[in-house]
Amino acid sequence: MKRNTACLNVMFALGAFLVSGCSAVSNHVDIAAYRMIPLVTDPGGEKHCSQDQKWCVQLDPNADSGVMVSVTQDDKQARERTLGSGMLADADADAFGATDHDIWPFLIMGDDASGNVLVGITSTISTGYSGGGAEAHFLDLIGLEAGGIPSGATSPVVLSVPLGAMKMIRACFDEDDIQKRRDVCHDEYRFEADIRLENHGTAGLPDVLYTSTATAFPATVSLDQDSTQLPALRDEDLVERVDERCSFERVFRFDVTSGRYQPDAPLPACDDYLIP
């Protein structure tokens, strides 16, 4: 099955995901260019650092008052912030299974002299089904100001979006099902997100181009119906089908009044993909 590829492509499977990326080029020059700097895990596994070790990001998910993210520049503590309960995208996720936090493997910074950076915290929600399972991944983009530690009264989260999700649902329960399904005994549903930066925007922050692709395999299955009641699979059914409902593109622009990025149009309801 052929997968789509984009400048920042986040592809998820149960228990693993792959991320690769770069930033988009724009002809607009109304704000300083922003860059997405890749971060890799250090040998100790505690920090995510740029290749030149100039920038490092560390996450403490066991902080007394929530999840703490800290950034060092040239081995010096540059800024930190604790995100209390309810600030992250998974605030209501406990009912759907265990939630894990990690550093998004990119740091966003501008070429101006402000020194402000954006870092990301990913949240993973997973659960098991009988003969299958599901997980979903979300991104909270955090703004960290230079020159001190800001008050905790205002949330530093400027953008919260789903990164990806996958569901595997058992579809064979006896020999008749195996034959009818041509040995394809799981329905698979994927939601994959691409994120790009554009070098124009408002309040000195770049616009964010967000593109998602949702797919179902085999092509005839759907999350709103029981696939065991469908006709037997044919050769032409053994491909991925793109779900146009949850495959979309939005431009997120920073809104000064709310202090958050807002999409240029409402996002469609895709909870059936994103809630395990």
Protein backbone atom coordinates (compact mmCIF):
# COMPACT_ATOMS: atom_id res chain seq x y z
CA MET A 1 0.00 0.00 0.00
CA LYS A 2 1.38 3.37 -1.02
CA ARG A 3 1.60 6.09 1.68
CA ASN A 4 1.63 9.82 1.03
CA THR A 5 4.83 11.79 1.70
CA ALA A 6 5.09 15.50 2.61
CA CYS A 7 7.60 17.96 3.98
CA LEU A 8 6.73 17.03 7.56
CA ASN A 9 5.20 13.59 7.53
CA VAL A 10 4.04 11.93 10.72
CA MET A 11 3.14 8.28 10.19
CA PHE A 12 1.87 6.21 13.08
CA ALA A 13 1.45 2.49 13.72
CA LEU A 14 0.70 0.67 16.95
CA GLY A 15 3.69 1.17 19.20
CA ALA A 16 5.82 3.22 16.81
CA PHE A 17 5.91 6.31 14.64
CA LEU A 18 8.23 7.98 12.14
CA VAL A 19 8.76 11.71 11.80
CA SER A 20 10.73 13.62 9.21
CA GLY A 21 10.43 17.24 8.26
CA CYS A 22 11.45 20.65 6.95
CA SER A 23 9.82 24.07 6.62
CA ALA A 24 8.04 25.46 3.59
CA VAL A 25 9.47 28.30 1.54
CA SER A 26 7.33 31.42 1.15
CA ASN A 27 7.74 34.58 -0.92
CA HIS A 28 6.26 36.69 1.88
CA VAL A 29 8.81 38.59 3.98
CA ASP A 30 6.60 40.44 6.45
CA ILE A 31 8.11 38.54 9.40
CA ALA A 32 11.49 36.98 10.06
CA ALA A 33 11.97 33.50 8.68
CA TYR A 34 11.22 30.70 11.12
CA ARG A 35 13.01 27.37 11.13
CA MET A 36 12.10 23.90 12.38
CA ILE A 37 15.29 22.56 13.94
CA PRO A 38 15.34 18.74 14.21
CA LEU A 39 16.01 17.35 17.67
CA VAL A 40 17.51 13.95 18.41
CA THR A 41 17.56 12.06 21.68
CA ASP A 42 20.84 12.30 23.57
CA PRO A 43 22.65 9.07 24.59
CA GLY A 44 21.23 9.30 28.11
CA GLY A 45 17.72 9.48 26.75
CA GLU A 46 16.80 12.45 28.94
CA LYS A 47 17.10 15.32 26.45
CA HIS A 48 16.31 16.07 22.84
CA CYS A 49 19.05 18.23 21.29
CA SER A 50 19.90 19.86 17.98
CA GLN A 51 22.69 18.29 15.98
CA ASP A 52 25.16 20.97 17.11
CA GLN A 53 24.04 20.59 20.75
CA LYS A 54 23.28 24.32 20.90
CA TRP A 55 19.65 23.75 21.87
CA CYS A 56 18.29 21.02 24.14
CA VAL A 57 14.75 20.38 25.34
CA GLN A 58 13.89 18.27 28.38
CA LEU A 59 10.56 17.08 29.73
CA ASP A 60 9.72 16.20 33.32
CA PRO A 61 6.30 14.51 33.33
CA ASN A 62 6.46 13.96 37.10
CA ALA A 63 6.66 17.61 38.17
CA ASP A 64 4.64 18.28 41.31
CA SER A 65 2.17 20.60 39.60
CA GLY A 66 2.06 19.07 36.12
CA VAL A 67 4.37 18.52 33.15
CA MET A 68 7.47 20.72 33.06
CA VAL A 69 9.34 21.52 29.84
CA SER A 70 12.72 23.24 29.94
CA VAL A 71 15.08 24.53 27.24
CA THR A 72 18.84 25.02 27.47
CA GLN A 73 20.92 27.11 25.08
CA ASP A 74 24.67 26.49 24.95
CA ASP A 75 24.37 24.37 28.14
CA LYS A 76 22.77 27.26 30.04
CA GLN A 77 19.23 27.18 31.36
CA ALA A 78 17.30 29.46 29.00
CA ARG A 79 13.66 29.06 30.01
CA GLU A 80 11.18 26.62 31.47
CA ARG A 81 7.47 26.24 32.01
CA THR A 82 5.20 23.93 33.97
CA LEU A 83 1.91 23.00 32.35
CA GLY A 84 -0.74 22.27 34.93
CA SER A 85 -3.61 19.83 34.71
CA GLY A 86 -6.00 20.72 31.91
CA MET A 87 -3.54 22.66 29.73
CA LEU A 88 -2.61 19.81 27.38
CA ALA A 89 -4.73 18.39 24.57
CA ASP A 90 -5.26 15.10 26.42
CA ALA A 91 -6.81 16.66 29.54
CA ASP A 92 -9.90 14.45 29.26
CA ALA A 93 -8.14 11.35 27.92
CA ASP A 94 -7.93 9.25 31.10
CA ALA A 95 -11.12 7.40 30.19
CA PHE A 96 -9.51 6.12 26.98
CA GLY A 97 -6.38 4.55 28.44
CA ALA A 98 -2.88 5.45 29.61
CA THR A 99 -1.39 8.69 28.36
CA ASP A 100 2.34 9.26 27.75
CA HIS A 101 4.14 12.53 27.08
CA ASP A 102 7.29 13.17 25.06
CA ILE A 103 9.15 15.96 23.30
CA TRP A 104 8.14 16.68 19.72
CA PRO A 105 11.43 16.20 17.83
CA PHE A 106 11.55 19.76 16.49
CA LEU A 107 12.25 23.20 17.92
CA ILE A 108 10.85 26.25 16.14
CA MET A 109 12.74 29.52 16.26
CA GLY A 110 12.95 32.71 14.25
CA ASP A 111 15.89 34.50 12.72
CA ASP A 112 15.09 37.72 14.60
CA ALA A 113 16.70 38.87 17.84
CA SER A 114 13.78 38.03 20.18
CA GLY A 115 15.16 34.66 21.18
CA ASN A 116 11.67 33.25 21.66
CA VAL A 117 11.19 29.60 20.76
CA LEU A 118 8.33 27.17 20.26
CA VAL A 119 8.64 23.60 21.49
CA GLY A 120 6.16 20.77 21.30
CA ILE A 121 4.86 18.18 23.74
CA THR A 122 3.32 15.06 22.26
CA SER A 123 0.66 13.04 24.07
CA THR A 124 -0.09 9.42 23.25
CA ILE A 125 -3.33 7.70 24.19
CA SER A 126 -3.60 3.95 23.60
CA THR A 127 -5.97 1.13 24.35
CA GLY A 128 -6.34 -2.55 23.44
CA TYR A 129 -9.25 -4.24 21.73
CA SER A 130 -10.00 -7.93 21.50
CA GLY A 131 -7.65 -8.92 18.69
CA GLY A 132 -6.69 -5.33 17.90
CA GLY A 133 -5.98 -1.94 19.40
CA ALA A 134 -5.78 1.78 18.84
CA GLU A 135 -3.65 4.78 19.66
CA ALA A 136 -3.78 8.49 18.99
CA HIS A 137 -1.10 11.17 19.13
CA PHE A 138 -1.58 14.89 19.80
CA LEU A 139 0.70 17.91 19.69
CA ASP A 140 0.67 20.90 22.04
CA LEU A 141 2.93 23.68 20.76
CA ILE A 142 4.35 25.74 23.65
CA GLY A 143 5.65 29.30 23.43
CA LEU A 144 8.65 29.92 25.70
CA GLU A 145 9.74 33.54 26.10
CA ALA A 146 13.32 34.64 26.49
CA GLY A 147 14.52 36.56 29.52
CA GLY A 148 12.91 34.77 32.40
CA ILE A 149 10.22 32.40 33.60
CA PRO A 150 6.72 33.77 32.98
CA SER A 151 3.81 33.55 35.38
CA GLY A 152 1.79 30.35 35.35
CA ALA A 153 -1.47 32.31 35.18
CA THR A 154 -1.68 32.16 31.39
CA SER A 155 -1.35 28.97 29.36
CA PRO A 156 1.70 28.97 27.09
CA VAL A 157 0.01 26.51 24.72
CA VAL A 158 -0.47 28.28 21.38
CA LEU A 159 -1.57 25.36 19.19
CA SER A 160 -3.17 21.96 19.89
CA VAL A 161 -3.69 19.56 16.97
CA PRO A 162 -3.85 15.81 16.36
CA LEU A 163 -0.67 14.36 14.86
CA GLY A 164 -1.90 10.91 13.94
CA ALA A 165 -3.92 7.89 14.93
CA MET A 166 -4.39 4.25 14.04
CA LYS A 167 -7.03 1.65 14.76
CA MET A 168 -6.84 -2.08 14.07
CA ILE A 169 -10.19 -3.83 14.49
CA ARG A 170 -10.55 -7.61 14.35
CA ALA A 171 -12.67 -8.77 11.42
CA CYS A 172 -12.30 -12.59 11.41
CA PHE A 173 -14.04 -14.78 13.98
CA ASP A 174 -14.26 -18.15 12.21
CA GLU A 175 -13.06 -19.96 9.08
CA ASP A 176 -15.89 -18.53 7.00
CA ASP A 177 -14.74 -15.02 7.88
CA ILE A 178 -11.15 -15.86 6.94
CA GLN A 179 -12.21 -17.05 3.49
CA LYS A 180 -14.64 -14.19 3.00
CA ARG A 181 -11.97 -11.68 3.99
CA ARG A 182 -9.24 -13.33 1.88
CA ASP A 183 -7.05 -13.69 5.02
CA VAL A 184 -7.25 -9.93 5.68
CA CYS A 185 -8.51 -10.22 9.23
CA HIS A 186 -8.17 -6.65 10.48
CA ASP A 187 -9.74 -3.40 9.41
CA GLU A 188 -7.15 -0.60 9.58
CA TYR A 189 -7.90 3.09 9.95
CA ARG A 190 -5.20 5.78 9.87
CA PHE A 191 -5.10 9.52 10.39
CA GLU A 192 -1.81 11.18 9.37
CA ALA A 193 -0.90 14.86 9.70
CA ASP A 194 1.61 17.05 7.87
CA ILE A 195 2.76 20.37 9.37
CA ARG A 196 4.63 23.13 7.54
CA LEU A 197 5.71 26.63 8.49
CA GLU A 198 5.20 29.69 6.32
CA ASN A 199 7.35 32.78 6.68
CA HIS A 200 4.45 35.17 6.99
CA GLY A 201 1.91 35.58 9.74
CA THR A 202 0.77 37.83 12.56
CA ALA A 203 2.34 39.02 15.82
CA GLY A 204 5.71 37.82 14.63
CA LEU A 205 4.64 34.17 14.54
CA PRO A 206 4.53 32.16 11.31
CA ASP A 207 1.38 30.77 9.78
CA VAL A 208 1.11 26.99 10.16
CA LEU A 209 -0.10 24.89 7.23
CA TYR A 210 -1.81 21.74 8.52
CA THR A 211 -2.75 18.89 6.16
CA SER A 212 -4.34 15.60 7.16
CA THR A 213 -5.04 12.35 5.35
CA ALA A 214 -7.43 9.71 6.69
CA THR A 215 -7.55 6.24 5.17
CA ALA A 216 -9.36 2.94 5.57
CA PHE A 217 -8.21 -0.54 4.57
CA PRO A 218 -9.76 -2.56 2.97
CA ALA A 219 -11.42 0.07 0.80
CA THR A 220 -14.98 -1.02 1.59
CA VAL A 221 -14.83 -0.70 5.39
CA SER A 222 -16.01 2.23 7.48
CA LEU A 223 -15.91 3.12 11.17
CA ASP A 224 -19.67 3.61 11.24
CA GLN A 225 -20.60 0.09 10.11
CA ASP A 226 -19.94 -3.56 11.01
CA SER A 227 -17.57 -4.87 8.35
CA THR A 228 -18.53 -8.50 9.09
CA GLN A 229 -21.90 -7.72 7.48
CA LEU A 230 -20.34 -6.56 4.20
CA PRO A 231 -20.01 -8.70 1.05
CA ALA A 232 -16.88 -10.81 0.53
CA LEU A 233 -13.74 -8.88 -0.36
CA ARG A 234 -12.64 -8.63 -3.99
CA ASP A 235 -9.18 -7.93 -5.41
CA GLU A 236 -10.09 -4.29 -6.02
CA ASP A 237 -11.06 -3.91 -2.34
CA LEU A 238 -7.55 -4.71 -1.07
CA VAL A 239 -6.33 -1.11 -1.28
CA GLU A 240 -6.51 1.93 0.98
CA ARG A 241 -9.43 4.29 0.53
CA VAL A 242 -8.93 7.98 1.33
CA ASP A 243 -11.68 9.29 3.61
CA GLU A 244 -12.37 12.76 2.18
CA ARG A 245 -14.30 13.75 5.29
CA CYS A 246 -11.18 13.77 7.47
CA SER A 247 -8.63 14.55 4.76
CA PHE A 248 -8.32 18.32 4.74
CA GLU A 249 -6.02 21.36 4.72
CA ARG A 250 -6.15 24.33 7.08
CA VAL A 251 -4.00 27.39 7.66
CA PHE A 252 -3.57 28.24 11.34
CA ARG A 253 -2.86 31.91 12.08
CA PHE A 254 -1.91 33.31 15.45
CA ASP A 255 -4.69 35.32 17.06
CA VAL A 256 -3.40 38.03 19.40
CA THR A 257 -6.69 38.30 21.33
CA SER A 258 -6.92 34.63 22.31
CA GLY A 259 -3.16 34.02 22.40
CA ARG A 260 -3.61 30.90 20.29
CA TYR A 261 -3.48 29.77 16.68
CA GLN A 262 -6.88 29.62 14.99
CA PRO A 263 -7.75 27.73 11.77
CA ASP A 264 -9.01 29.58 8.72
CA ALA A 265 -12.07 27.28 8.75
CA PRO A 266 -13.55 24.89 11.35
CA LEU A 267 -12.00 21.44 11.53
CA PRO A 268 -14.28 18.50 10.66
CA ALA A 269 -15.41 16.12 13.40
CA CYS A 270 -12.96 13.18 13.25
CA ASP A 271 -13.34 11.78 16.77
CA ASP A 272 -14.03 8.32 15.35
CA TYR A 273 -10.41 8.30 14.14
CA LEU A 274 -8.87 10.17 17.09
CA ILE A 275 -10.58 8.69 20.15
CA PRO A 276 -9.36 5.10 20.79
